Amino acid sequence: MAAAILAVSPTHARHAWRAWVLPLGTLGAAEALLRWRPVQSDAIALPSAVAEALVRALADGSLWSATWQTLAAMLGGLLAGGALGLLVGVWFGLSRRVAARGALLVELLRPLPAVALIPVAMLVFGFGYRLEIFVVGFSVFFPMLMLSHAAVQAVPARLLEVGRMLRLPVAARVRKIVLPAALPRLFVALRLCIGIALVVAVTTEIASNPQGLGYALLSAQQSLAPELMLAVLAWVGLLGWGLNAGLLALQRRWFGGLAATGAGR
């Protein structure tokens, strides 16, 4: 992963520091303002106090434990819902008849917010990983389906014609022609779904599942510890940024400009 991150172009690396100017400047201004005019609040804390709380939570292991719990549920839901969405999306992309027949069901279910299923999932699965995996899986299923469907449709027709001329079975056609040609776009879909999965996992933990980063955030809020609450919130943001940065570096290393879409910039 480290090698992949270092594989960014020299020009990009030379100017990457500019992205940090605005957030660091905002934090510095907030620190100066709150020290100049202190505010007694259960929701606001000095950025330096937030940084200290973050370091303490990392040092005592509590934040790491919560992070692994969230990542485990997130990856479980991503594997379940994402893999199923990929299979259905490839199926739709290869068969216009199947896509037409399934379009109504997809359009009826796709607008449902994943968190709206939490009460139903609690009745079926109770608390724990199965609840969170189900909700996360539902949240990533439809984005992966739609994006993989579009990726397969973008495969050049001449490649599909070659597979038919060689009389390859459907499974061999998908494995040897369709997936390699669609892989750059599928990787962009994976990046998008990982961001969705993280957001939904933390939201589920806040709403109903007493584990992970969402529950740590809720516990800090209920304990009237704004510095710890903001530290956990900042950690969630850093985690999402790190996952996306790592995947973006891999995308640039493996595919170059092939996957350079609006989602990849």
C-alpha atoms as a PDB file:
ATOM      1  CA  MET A   1       0.000   0.000   0.000  1.00  0.00           C
ATOM      2  CA  ALA A   2       2.809   2.406   0.858  1.00  0.00           C
ATOM      3  CA  ALA A   3       4.485   1.722  -2.478  1.00  0.00           C
ATOM      4  CA  ALA A   4       1.222   2.377  -4.261  1.00  0.00           C
ATOM      5  CA  ILE A   5       0.761   5.698  -2.499  1.00  0.00           C
ATOM      6  CA  LEU A   6       4.274   6.734  -3.474  1.00  0.00           C
ATOM      7  CA  ALA A   7       3.466   5.881  -7.092  1.00  0.00           C
ATOM      8  CA  VAL A   8       1.603   9.177  -7.571  1.00  0.00           C
ATOM      9  CA  SER A   9       3.041  11.380 -10.305  1.00  0.00           C
ATOM     10  CA  PRO A  10       5.801  13.838  -9.241  1.00  0.00           C
ATOM     11  CA  THR A  11       3.687  16.851 -10.216  1.00  0.00           C
ATOM     12  CA  HIS A  12       0.780  15.634  -8.106  1.00  0.00           C
ATOM     13  CA  ALA A  13       3.070  14.935  -5.131  1.00  0.00           C
ATOM     14  CA  ARG A  14       4.723  18.342  -5.447  1.00  0.00           C
ATOM     15  CA  HIS A  15       1.393  20.175  -5.179  1.00  0.00           C
ATOM     16  CA  ALA A  16      -0.417  17.804  -2.785  1.00  0.00           C
ATOM     17  CA  TRP A  17       0.486  19.966   0.224  1.00  0.00           C
ATOM     18  CA  ARG A  18      -1.797  22.733  -1.063  1.00  0.00           C
ATOM     19  CA  ALA A  19      -4.861  20.639  -0.193  1.00  0.00           C
ATOM     20  CA  TRP A  20      -3.906  20.884   3.486  1.00  0.00           C
ATOM     21  CA  VAL A  21      -3.658  24.672   3.590  1.00  0.00           C
ATOM     22  CA  LEU A  22      -7.400  25.371   4.041  1.00  0.00           C
ATOM     23  CA  PRO A  23      -8.191  22.718   6.724  1.00  0.00           C
ATOM     24  CA  LEU A  24      -5.040  23.442   8.746  1.00  0.00           C
ATOM     25  CA  GLY A  25      -5.603  27.180   8.436  1.00  0.00           C
ATOM     26  CA  THR A  26      -9.207  26.767   9.609  1.00  0.00           C
ATOM     27  CA  LEU A  27      -8.078  24.738  12.627  1.00  0.00           C
ATOM     28  CA  GLY A  28      -5.442  27.329  13.478  1.00  0.00           C
ATOM     29  CA  ALA A  29      -7.984  30.143  13.267  1.00  0.00           C
ATOM     30  CA  ALA A  30     -10.447  28.198  15.450  1.00  0.00           C
ATOM     31  CA  GLU A  31      -7.725  27.557  18.050  1.00  0.00           C
ATOM     32  CA  ALA A  32      -6.782  31.233  18.179  1.00  0.00           C
ATOM     33  CA  LEU A  33     -10.410  32.393  18.362  1.00  0.00           C
ATOM     34  CA  LEU A  34     -11.391  29.978  21.156  1.00  0.00           C
ATOM     35  CA  ARG A  35      -8.310  30.892  23.201  1.00  0.00           C
ATOM     36  CA  TRP A  36      -8.987  34.585  22.729  1.00  0.00           C
ATOM     37  CA  ARG A  37     -12.691  34.251  23.593  1.00  0.00           C
ATOM     38  CA  PRO A  38     -13.288  30.969  25.490  1.00  0.00           C
ATOM     39  CA  VAL A  39     -16.729  29.345  25.140  1.00  0.00           C
ATOM     40  CA  GLN A  40     -18.316  27.012  27.682  1.00  0.00           C
ATOM     41  CA  SER A  41     -20.054  24.393  25.563  1.00  0.00           C
ATOM     42  CA  ASP A  42     -20.819  20.677  25.490  1.00  0.00           C
ATOM     43  CA  ALA A  43     -20.356  20.624  21.707  1.00  0.00           C
ATOM     44  CA  ILE A  44     -17.228  22.733  21.089  1.00  0.00           C
ATOM     45  CA  ALA A  45     -13.622  22.076  22.100  1.00  0.00           C
ATOM     46  CA  LEU A  46     -10.220  23.504  21.270  1.00  0.00           C
ATOM     47  CA  PRO A  47      -8.627  21.791  18.265  1.00  0.00           C
ATOM     48  CA  SER A  48      -5.568  21.126  20.435  1.00  0.00           C
ATOM     49  CA  ALA A  49      -7.796  19.402  23.046  1.00  0.00           C
ATOM     50  CA  VAL A  50      -9.379  17.334  20.277  1.00  0.00           C
ATOM     51  CA  ALA A  51      -5.913  16.304  19.076  1.00  0.00           C
ATOM     52  CA  GLU A  52      -4.905  15.333  22.619  1.00  0.00           C
ATOM     53  CA  ALA A  53      -8.107  13.274  23.036  1.00  0.00           C
ATOM     54  CA  LEU A  54      -7.427  11.541  19.732  1.00  0.00           C
ATOM     55  CA  VAL A  55      -3.887  10.639  20.774  1.00  0.00           C
ATOM     56  CA  ARG A  56      -5.115   9.316  24.150  1.00  0.00           C
ATOM     57  CA  ALA A  57      -7.853   7.219  22.531  1.00  0.00           C
ATOM     58  CA  LEU A  58      -5.332   5.743  20.108  1.00  0.00           C
ATOM     59  CA  ALA A  59      -2.796   5.128  22.872  1.00  0.00           C
ATOM     60  CA  ASP A  60      -5.197   3.284  25.186  1.00  0.00           C
ATOM     61  CA  GLY A  61      -6.460   1.108  22.325  1.00  0.00           C
ATOM     62  CA  SER A  62     -10.140   1.997  22.630  1.00  0.00           C
ATOM     63  CA  LEU A  63     -10.257   3.775  19.285  1.00  0.00           C
ATOM     64  CA  TRP A  64      -8.389   0.961  17.529  1.00  0.00           C
ATOM     65  CA  SER A  65     -10.850  -1.597  18.902  1.00  0.00           C
ATOM     66  CA  ALA A  66     -13.827   0.452  17.724  1.00  0.00           C
ATOM     67  CA  THR A  67     -12.168   0.932  14.330  1.00  0.00           C
ATOM     68  CA  TRP A  68     -11.692  -2.808  13.791  1.00  0.00           C
ATOM     69  CA  GLN A  69     -15.320  -3.438  14.715  1.00  0.00           C
ATOM     70  CA  THR A  70     -16.545  -0.878  12.196  1.00  0.00           C
ATOM     71  CA  LEU A  71     -14.174  -2.079   9.480  1.00  0.00           C
ATOM     72  CA  ALA A  72     -15.169  -5.720  10.021  1.00  0.00           C
ATOM     73  CA  ALA A  73     -18.872  -4.943   9.628  1.00  0.00           C
ATOM     74  CA  MET A  74     -18.192  -2.579   6.733  1.00  0.00           C
ATOM     75  CA  LEU A  75     -16.094  -5.107   4.810  1.00  0.00           C
ATOM     76  CA  GLY A  76     -18.570  -7.911   5.547  1.00  0.00           C
ATOM     77  CA  GLY A  77     -21.424  -5.858   4.111  1.00  0.00           C
ATOM     78  CA  LEU A  78     -19.276  -4.750   1.192  1.00  0.00           C
ATOM     79  CA  LEU A  79     -18.362  -8.340   0.322  1.00  0.00           C
ATOM     80  CA  ALA A  80     -21.947  -9.566   0.602  1.00  0.00           C
ATOM     81  CA  GLY A  81     -23.831  -6.703  -1.029  1.00  0.00           C
ATOM     82  CA  GLY A  82     -21.061  -5.640  -3.396  1.00  0.00           C
ATOM     83  CA  ALA A  83     -20.415  -9.141  -4.748  1.00  0.00           C
ATOM     84  CA  LEU A  84     -24.129  -9.754  -5.282  1.00  0.00           C
ATOM     85  CA  GLY A  85     -24.539  -6.342  -6.940  1.00  0.00           C
ATOM     86  CA  LEU A  86     -21.581  -7.099  -9.207  1.00  0.00           C
ATOM     87  CA  LEU A  87     -23.050 -10.439 -10.302  1.00  0.00           C
ATOM     88  CA  VAL A  88     -26.480  -8.955 -11.006  1.00  0.00           C
ATOM     89  CA  GLY A  89     -24.952  -5.926 -12.750  1.00  0.00           C
ATOM     90  CA  VAL A  90     -22.860  -8.119 -15.064  1.00  0.00           C
ATOM     91  CA  TRP A  91     -25.949 -10.238 -15.785  1.00  0.00           C
ATOM     92  CA  PHE A  92     -27.977  -7.142 -16.650  1.00  0.00           C
ATOM     93  CA  GLY A  93     -25.152  -5.802 -18.801  1.00  0.00           C
ATOM     94  CA  LEU A  94     -24.946  -8.990 -20.851  1.00  0.00           C
ATOM     95  CA  SER A  95     -28.684  -9.432 -21.324  1.00  0.00           C
ATOM     96  CA  ARG A  96     -30.937  -6.540 -22.294  1.00  0.00           C
ATOM     97  CA  ARG A  97     -33.979  -8.751 -21.809  1.00  0.00           C
ATOM     98  CA  VAL A  98     -33.057  -9.543 -18.197  1.00  0.00           C
ATOM     99  CA  ALA A  99     -32.212  -5.881 -17.523  1.00  0.00           C
ATOM    100  CA  ALA A 100     -35.589  -4.765 -18.882  1.00  0.00           C
ATOM    101  CA  ARG A 101     -37.474  -7.298 -16.771  1.00  0.00           C
ATOM    102  CA  GLY A 102     -35.578  -6.413 -13.603  1.00  0.00           C
ATOM    103  CA  ALA A 103     -35.649  -2.643 -14.076  1.00  0.00           C
ATOM    104  CA  LEU A 104     -38.981  -2.107 -12.307  1.00  0.00           C
ATOM    105  CA  LEU A 105     -37.971  -4.036  -9.186  1.00  0.00           C
ATOM    106  CA  VAL A 106     -34.619  -2.231  -9.049  1.00  0.00           C
ATOM    107  CA  GLU A 107     -36.249   1.188  -9.383  1.00  0.00           C
ATOM    108  CA  LEU A 108     -38.773   0.345  -6.657  1.00  0.00           C
ATOM    109  CA  LEU A 109     -36.145  -0.793  -4.132  1.00  0.00           C
ATOM    110  CA  ARG A 110     -33.219   1.479  -5.009  1.00  0.00           C
ATOM    111  CA  PRO A 111     -34.664   4.686  -3.454  1.00  0.00           C
ATOM    112  CA  LEU A 112     -35.168   3.006  -0.056  1.00  0.00           C
ATOM    113  CA  PRO A 113     -32.678   4.420   2.485  1.00  0.00           C
ATOM    114  CA  ALA A 114     -30.613   1.619   3.996  1.00  0.00           C
ATOM    115  CA  VAL A 115     -31.068   2.985   7.535  1.00  0.00           C
ATOM    116  CA  ALA A 116     -34.849   2.670   7.124  1.00  0.00           C
ATOM    117  CA  LEU A 117     -34.327  -1.103   7.194  1.00  0.00           C
ATOM    118  CA  ILE A 118     -32.703  -1.028  10.644  1.00  0.00           C
ATOM    119  CA  PRO A 119     -35.974  -1.765  12.569  1.00  0.00           C
ATOM    120  CA  VAL A 120     -36.704  -4.743  10.309  1.00  0.00           C
ATOM    121  CA  ALA A 121     -33.107  -5.967  10.513  1.00  0.00           C
ATOM    122  CA  MET A 122     -33.171  -5.709  14.315  1.00  0.00           C
ATOM    123  CA  LEU A 123     -36.228  -7.966  14.444  1.00  0.00           C
ATOM    124  CA  VAL A 124     -34.561 -10.531  12.184  1.00  0.00           C
ATOM    125  CA  PHE A 125     -30.920 -10.409  13.317  1.00  0.00           C
ATOM    126  CA  GLY A 126     -30.909  -8.670  16.703  1.00  0.00           C
ATOM    127  CA  PHE A 127     -27.857  -6.601  17.654  1.00  0.00           C
ATOM    128  CA  GLY A 128     -24.366  -7.363  16.393  1.00  0.00           C
ATOM    129  CA  TYR A 129     -22.471  -7.844  13.179  1.00  0.00           C
ATOM    130  CA  ARG A 130     -25.276  -9.531  11.229  1.00  0.00           C
ATOM    131  CA  LEU A 131     -27.502  -6.471  11.631  1.00  0.00           C
ATOM    132  CA  GLU A 132     -24.789  -4.111  10.451  1.00  0.00           C
ATOM    133  CA  ILE A 133     -23.622  -6.352   7.604  1.00  0.00           C
ATOM    134  CA  PHE A 134     -27.181  -6.589   6.285  1.00  0.00           C
ATOM    135  CA  VAL A 135     -27.741  -2.809   6.336  1.00  0.00           C
ATOM    136  CA  VAL A 136     -24.332  -2.058   4.792  1.00  0.00           C
ATOM    137  CA  GLY A 137     -24.845  -4.779   2.190  1.00  0.00           C
ATOM    138  CA  PHE A 138     -28.174  -3.300   1.141  1.00  0.00           C
ATOM    139  CA  SER A 139     -26.654   0.176   0.901  1.00  0.00           C
ATOM    140  CA  VAL A 140     -23.897  -0.909  -1.520  1.00  0.00           C
ATOM    141  CA  PHE A 141     -25.900  -3.454  -3.555  1.00  0.00           C
ATOM    142  CA  PHE A 142     -27.674  -0.993  -5.836  1.00  0.00           C
ATOM    143  CA  PRO A 143     -24.719   1.358  -6.504  1.00  0.00           C
ATOM    144  CA  MET A 144     -22.565  -1.638  -7.421  1.00  0.00           C
ATOM    145  CA  LEU A 145     -25.353  -3.064  -9.580  1.00  0.00           C
ATOM    146  CA  MET A 146     -25.883   0.180 -11.500  1.00  0.00           C
ATOM    147  CA  LEU A 147     -22.177   0.919 -11.958  1.00  0.00           C
ATOM    148  CA  SER A 148     -21.219  -2.620 -12.951  1.00  0.00           C
ATOM    149  CA  HIS A 149     -24.150  -2.683 -15.375  1.00  0.00           C
ATOM    150  CA  ALA A 150     -22.847   0.518 -16.968  1.00  0.00           C
ATOM    151  CA  ALA A 151     -19.266  -0.834 -16.989  1.00  0.00           C
ATOM    152  CA  VAL A 152     -20.294  -3.994 -18.854  1.00  0.00           C
ATOM    153  CA  GLN A 153     -22.356  -1.988 -21.339  1.00  0.00           C
ATOM    154  CA  ALA A 154     -19.253   0.126 -22.048  1.00  0.00           C
ATOM    155  CA  VAL A 155     -17.216  -2.930 -23.116  1.00  0.00           C
ATOM    156  CA  PRO A 156     -16.533  -2.567 -26.879  1.00  0.00           C
ATOM    157  CA  ALA A 157     -18.922  -4.652 -28.957  1.00  0.00           C
ATOM    158  CA  ARG A 158     -16.060  -6.030 -31.036  1.00  0.00           C
ATOM    159  CA  LEU A 159     -14.612  -7.758 -27.968  1.00  0.00           C
ATOM    160  CA  LEU A 160     -17.938  -9.462 -27.269  1.00  0.00           C
ATOM    161  CA  GLU A 161     -18.143 -10.450 -30.929  1.00  0.00           C
ATOM    162  CA  VAL A 162     -14.718 -12.100 -30.673  1.00  0.00           C
ATOM    163  CA  GLY A 163     -15.979 -14.193 -27.762  1.00  0.00           C
ATOM    164  CA  ARG A 164     -19.008 -15.291 -29.763  1.00  0.00           C
ATOM    165  CA  MET A 165     -16.879 -16.123 -32.806  1.00  0.00           C
ATOM    166  CA  LEU A 166     -14.612 -18.265 -30.641  1.00  0.00           C
ATOM    167  CA  ARG A 167     -17.743 -19.941 -29.241  1.00  0.00           C
ATOM    168  CA  LEU A 168     -16.646 -19.350 -25.676  1.00  0.00           C
ATOM    169  CA  PRO A 169     -19.153 -20.343 -22.975  1.00  0.00           C
ATOM    170  CA  VAL A 170     -20.802 -17.428 -21.177  1.00  0.00           C
ATOM    171  CA  ALA A 171     -18.748 -17.961 -18.018  1.00  0.00           C
ATOM    172  CA  ALA A 172     -15.491 -17.998 -19.990  1.00  0.00           C
ATOM    173  CA  ARG A 173     -16.594 -14.895 -21.933  1.00  0.00           C
ATOM    174  CA  VAL A 174     -17.230 -13.031 -18.684  1.00  0.00           C
ATOM    175  CA  ARG A 175     -13.971 -14.181 -17.097  1.00  0.00           C
ATOM    176  CA  LYS A 176     -11.661 -13.651 -20.078  1.00  0.00           C
ATOM    177  CA  ILE A 177     -13.219 -10.706 -21.913  1.00  0.00           C
ATOM    178  CA  VAL A 178     -15.902  -8.784 -20.016  1.00  0.00           C
ATOM    179  CA  LEU A 179     -14.334  -8.438 -16.552  1.00  0.00           C
ATOM    180  CA  PRO A 180     -10.808  -7.506 -17.764  1.00  0.00           C
ATOM    181  CA  ALA A 181     -12.260  -4.863 -20.102  1.00  0.00           C
ATOM    182  CA  ALA A 182     -14.589  -3.450 -17.428  1.00  0.00           C
ATOM    183  CA  LEU A 183     -12.122  -3.661 -14.529  1.00  0.00           C
ATOM    184  CA  PRO A 184     -11.035   0.032 -14.491  1.00  0.00           C
ATOM    185  CA  ARG A 185     -14.669   1.174 -14.178  1.00  0.00           C
ATOM    186  CA  LEU A 186     -15.420  -1.548 -11.640  1.00  0.00           C
ATOM    187  CA  PHE A 187     -12.546  -0.284  -9.506  1.00  0.00           C
ATOM    188  CA  VAL A 188     -14.113   3.190  -9.486  1.00  0.00           C
ATOM    189  CA  ALA A 189     -17.370   1.533  -8.397  1.00  0.00           C
ATOM    190  CA  LEU A 190     -15.493  -0.169  -5.552  1.00  0.00           C
ATOM    191  CA  ARG A 191     -14.119   3.170  -4.353  1.00  0.00           C
ATOM    192  CA  LEU A 192     -17.591   4.676  -4.306  1.00  0.00           C
ATOM    193  CA  CYS A 193     -19.098   1.698  -2.477  1.00  0.00           C
ATOM    194  CA  ILE A 194     -16.396   1.699   0.204  1.00  0.00           C
ATOM    195  CA  GLY A 195     -17.247   5.315   1.051  1.00  0.00           C
ATOM    196  CA  ILE A 196     -20.952   4.486   1.211  1.00  0.00           C
ATOM    197  CA  ALA A 197     -20.256   1.406   3.350  1.00  0.00           C
ATOM    198  CA  LEU A 198     -18.252   3.397   5.906  1.00  0.00           C
ATOM    199  CA  VAL A 199     -20.924   6.087   6.239  1.00  0.00           C
ATOM    200  CA  VAL A 200     -23.748   3.548   6.627  1.00  0.00           C
ATOM    201  CA  ALA A 201     -21.762   1.405   9.087  1.00  0.00           C
ATOM    202  CA  VAL A 202     -21.116   4.371  11.401  1.00  0.00           C
ATOM    203  CA  THR A 203     -24.724   5.563  11.052  1.00  0.00           C
ATOM    204  CA  THR A 204     -26.049   2.103  11.939  1.00  0.00           C
ATOM    205  CA  GLU A 205     -23.838   1.983  15.028  1.00  0.00           C
ATOM    206  CA  ILE A 206     -25.119   5.387  16.135  1.00  0.00           C
ATOM    207  CA  ALA A 207     -28.756   4.453  15.552  1.00  0.00           C
ATOM    208  CA  SER A 208     -28.973   0.925  16.882  1.00  0.00           C
ATOM    209  CA  ASN A 209     -25.819  -1.181  17.122  1.00  0.00           C
ATOM    210  CA  PRO A 210     -23.745  -0.697  20.308  1.00  0.00           C
ATOM    211  CA  GLN A 211     -20.285  -1.229  18.842  1.00  0.00           C
ATOM    212  CA  GLY A 212     -17.709   0.424  16.624  1.00  0.00           C
ATOM    213  CA  LEU A 213     -16.927   4.051  15.888  1.00  0.00           C
ATOM    214  CA  GLY A 214     -20.565   5.127  15.760  1.00  0.00           C
ATOM    215  CA  TYR A 215     -21.184   3.888  19.282  1.00  0.00           C
ATOM    216  CA  ALA A 216     -17.913   5.483  20.468  1.00  0.00           C
ATOM    217  CA  LEU A 217     -19.108   8.779  19.016  1.00  0.00           C
ATOM    218  CA  LEU A 218     -22.498   8.445  20.703  1.00  0.00           C
ATOM    219  CA  SER A 219     -20.930   7.464  24.057  1.00  0.00           C
ATOM    220  CA  ALA A 220     -18.634  10.501  24.007  1.00  0.00           C
ATOM    221  CA  GLN A 221     -21.585  12.778  23.269  1.00  0.00           C
ATOM    222  CA  GLN A 222     -23.646  11.296  26.093  1.00  0.00           C
ATOM    223  CA  SER A 223     -20.668  11.623  28.465  1.00  0.00           C
ATOM    224  CA  LEU A 224     -20.468  15.363  27.684  1.00  0.00           C
ATOM    225  CA  ALA A 225     -16.908  14.979  26.373  1.00  0.00           C
ATOM    226  CA  PRO A 226     -16.917  17.193  23.271  1.00  0.00           C
ATOM    227  CA  GLU A 227     -13.167  16.857  22.718  1.00  0.00           C
ATOM    228  CA  LEU A 228     -13.449  13.044  22.533  1.00  0.00           C
ATOM    229  CA  MET A 229     -16.619  13.241  20.428  1.00  0.00           C
ATOM    230  CA  LEU A 230     -14.907  15.526  17.901  1.00  0.00           C
ATOM    231  CA  ALA A 231     -11.778  13.344  18.025  1.00  0.00           C
ATOM    232  CA  VAL A 232     -13.782  10.260  17.012  1.00  0.00           C
ATOM    233  CA  LEU A 233     -15.534  12.280  14.322  1.00  0.00           C
ATOM    234  CA  ALA A 234     -12.177  13.481  12.985  1.00  0.00           C
ATOM    235  CA  TRP A 235     -10.883   9.903  13.054  1.00  0.00           C
ATOM    236  CA  VAL A 236     -13.833   8.708  10.952  1.00  0.00           C
ATOM    237  CA  GLY A 237     -13.021  11.421   8.416  1.00  0.00           C
ATOM    238  CA  LEU A 238      -9.330  10.497   8.377  1.00  0.00           C
ATOM    239  CA  LEU A 239     -10.223   6.827   7.988  1.00  0.00           C
ATOM    240  CA  GLY A 240     -12.449   7.530   4.989  1.00  0.00           C
ATOM    241  CA  TRP A 241      -9.817   9.804   3.464  1.00  0.00           C
ATOM    242  CA  GLY A 242      -7.101   7.182   3.952  1.00  0.00           C
ATOM    243  CA  LEU A 243      -9.155   4.398   2.379  1.00  0.00           C
ATOM    244  CA  ASN A 244     -10.000   6.546  -0.634  1.00  0.00           C
ATOM    245  CA  ALA A 245      -6.418   7.828  -1.006  1.00  0.00           C
ATOM    246  CA  GLY A 246      -5.031   4.289  -0.935  1.00  0.00           C
ATOM    247  CA  LEU A 247      -7.527   3.027  -3.495  1.00  0.00           C
ATOM    248  CA  LEU A 248      -6.987   6.077  -5.704  1.00  0.00           C
ATOM    249  CA  ALA A 249      -3.226   5.462  -5.656  1.00  0.00           C
ATOM    250  CA  LEU A 250      -3.786   1.829  -6.628  1.00  0.00           C
ATOM    251  CA  GLN A 251      -6.138   2.941  -9.398  1.00  0.00           C
ATOM    252  CA  ARG A 252      -3.506   5.268 -10.830  1.00  0.00           C
ATOM    253  CA  ARG A 253      -0.807   2.613 -10.531  1.00  0.00           C
ATOM    254  CA  TRP A 254      -2.792  -0.230 -12.106  1.00  0.00           C
ATOM    255  CA  PHE A 255      -4.952   1.544 -14.672  1.00  0.00           C
ATOM    256  CA  GLY A 256      -3.391   4.943 -15.321  1.00  0.00           C
ATOM    257  CA  GLY A 257      -5.788   7.086 -17.345  1.00  0.00           C
ATOM    258  CA  LEU A 258      -8.156   4.206 -18.142  1.00  0.00           C
ATOM    259  CA  ALA A 259     -10.233   4.843 -15.017  1.00  0.00           C
ATOM    260  CA  ALA A 260      -9.808   8.629 -14.949  1.00  0.00           C
ATOM    261  CA  THR A 261     -13.465   9.594 -14.707  1.00  0.00           C
ATOM    262  CA  GLY A 262     -15.097  12.366 -12.736  1.00  0.00           C
ATOM    263  CA  ALA A 263     -15.249  10.007  -9.737  1.00  0.00           C
ATOM    264  CA  GLY A 264     -11.538   9.408  -9.912  1.00  0.00           C
ATOM    265  CA  ARG A 265     -10.372  12.997  -9.687  1.00  0.00           C
END
